Protein backbone atom coordinates (compact mmCIF):
# COMPACT_ATOMS: atom_id res chain seq x y z
CA MET A 1 69.78 35.56 -19.50
CA LEU A 2 67.24 33.26 -22.54
CA LEU A 3 68.60 31.47 -24.98
CA THR A 4 65.75 31.70 -27.99
CA ILE A 5 65.34 29.58 -31.28
CA HIS A 6 62.61 30.30 -33.03
CA PHE A 7 60.53 28.32 -35.96
CA VAL A 8 59.55 30.69 -37.94
CA SER A 9 57.83 28.06 -40.83
CA CYS A 10 55.48 27.21 -38.11
CA LYS A 11 55.61 30.54 -35.63
CA LEU A 12 57.11 28.48 -32.55
CA MET A 13 59.70 29.88 -30.01
CA LEU A 14 61.35 28.54 -27.99
CA ALA A 15 63.20 29.15 -25.04
CA PHE A 16 65.50 28.30 -21.81
CA LEU A 17 67.08 30.10 -18.90
CA ARG A 18 70.37 30.28 -18.34
CA ASP A 19 72.71 31.61 -15.66
CA ALA A 20 75.04 32.59 -17.87
CA ASN A 21 75.97 33.89 -21.45
CA THR A 22 78.66 31.13 -22.05
CA ALA A 23 79.32 29.30 -24.57
CA GLN A 24 78.69 25.49 -22.79
CA SER A 25 75.43 26.86 -22.16
CA VAL A 26 73.88 27.05 -24.96
CA THR A 27 76.05 23.77 -25.81
CA ASP A 28 74.66 21.89 -23.17
CA ILE A 29 71.04 22.92 -23.69
CA PHE A 30 71.51 21.50 -27.28
CA THR A 31 73.01 18.64 -25.74
CA ARG A 32 69.98 17.81 -23.48
CA LEU A 33 67.75 18.26 -26.59
CA CYS A 34 69.37 15.80 -28.58
CA TRP A 35 69.09 13.62 -25.40
CA ARG A 36 65.61 14.16 -25.03
CA LEU A 37 64.44 14.65 -28.64
CA GLY A 38 67.02 11.95 -29.65
CA GLY A 39 69.23 11.84 -32.36
CA LYS A 40 66.67 11.35 -35.33
CA THR A 41 64.68 13.37 -34.54
CA PHE A 42 67.40 16.07 -33.18
CA LYS A 43 68.43 16.27 -36.79
CA LYS A 44 64.97 16.52 -38.14
CA LEU A 45 64.25 19.89 -36.01
CA PHE A 46 67.85 21.50 -36.16
CA PRO A 47 69.03 20.54 -39.57
CA LEU A 48 70.72 23.34 -39.26
CA LEU A 49 70.70 26.62 -36.86
CA LEU A 50 71.39 30.25 -38.06
CA THR A 51 73.07 32.69 -35.57
CA ASP A 52 74.23 35.65 -35.04
CA ASN A 53 77.93 35.81 -33.53
CA GLY A 54 77.74 36.18 -29.46
CA SER A 55 80.19 35.20 -27.49
CA GLU A 56 77.24 32.30 -26.32
CA PHE A 57 78.14 30.54 -29.88
CA THR A 58 81.64 31.47 -30.14
CA ASN A 59 82.17 26.82 -29.82
CA PRO A 60 80.41 26.02 -32.87
CA ALA A 61 81.66 22.41 -32.73
CA ALA A 62 80.98 21.38 -30.51
CA ILE A 63 76.68 22.59 -31.49
CA GLU A 64 77.21 20.78 -33.83
CA PHE A 65 78.66 17.18 -32.80
CA ASP A 66 77.65 15.03 -30.23
CA THR A 67 79.82 13.61 -27.28
CA LEU A 68 81.16 10.96 -29.71
CA GLY A 69 81.81 13.16 -32.79
CA ASN A 70 78.89 12.53 -35.01
CA ARG A 71 77.38 16.03 -36.58
CA ARG A 72 73.79 16.69 -35.18
CA SER A 73 73.74 20.34 -36.63
CA ARG A 74 75.52 23.61 -38.47
CA VAL A 75 75.93 26.22 -36.97
CA PHE A 76 75.62 29.45 -39.63
CA TYR A 77 76.40 32.91 -38.57
CA CYS A 78 75.22 36.08 -39.99
CA ASP A 79 77.69 38.96 -40.66
CA PRO A 80 78.96 41.31 -38.62
CA ASN A 81 75.00 44.10 -38.06
CA SER A 82 73.26 42.12 -40.00
CA PRO A 83 70.01 41.47 -37.80
CA TYR A 84 68.49 41.19 -41.27
CA HIS A 85 69.35 38.37 -42.57
CA LYS A 86 67.67 35.74 -39.52
CA GLN A 87 64.82 35.45 -41.82
CA THR A 88 61.02 36.30 -39.21
CA THR A 89 57.59 34.95 -39.91
CA ASN A 90 56.63 38.89 -40.89
CA ASP A 91 59.55 38.74 -43.71
CA LYS A 92 58.36 35.69 -45.16
CA GLN A 93 54.89 36.36 -48.06
């Protein structure tokens, strides 16, 4: 399984290999990113996350808050069957 993170403005996509398609695997990736980048840089790069409502995103609080309860991001979901809500670089004029 891959978790992909797409930065539209700079046309960059990151991909992270996961052993299982679980909410914990996604949370672990964001926790490691926050630790490696530092909280301030993480918040600057990931002020919000726009995602689908797949089972791997069923624990938004674990992604939004660190283990001490500090907010590090905000998770928002596209409407079901509406992938066009996630803007691509081709959509931006």
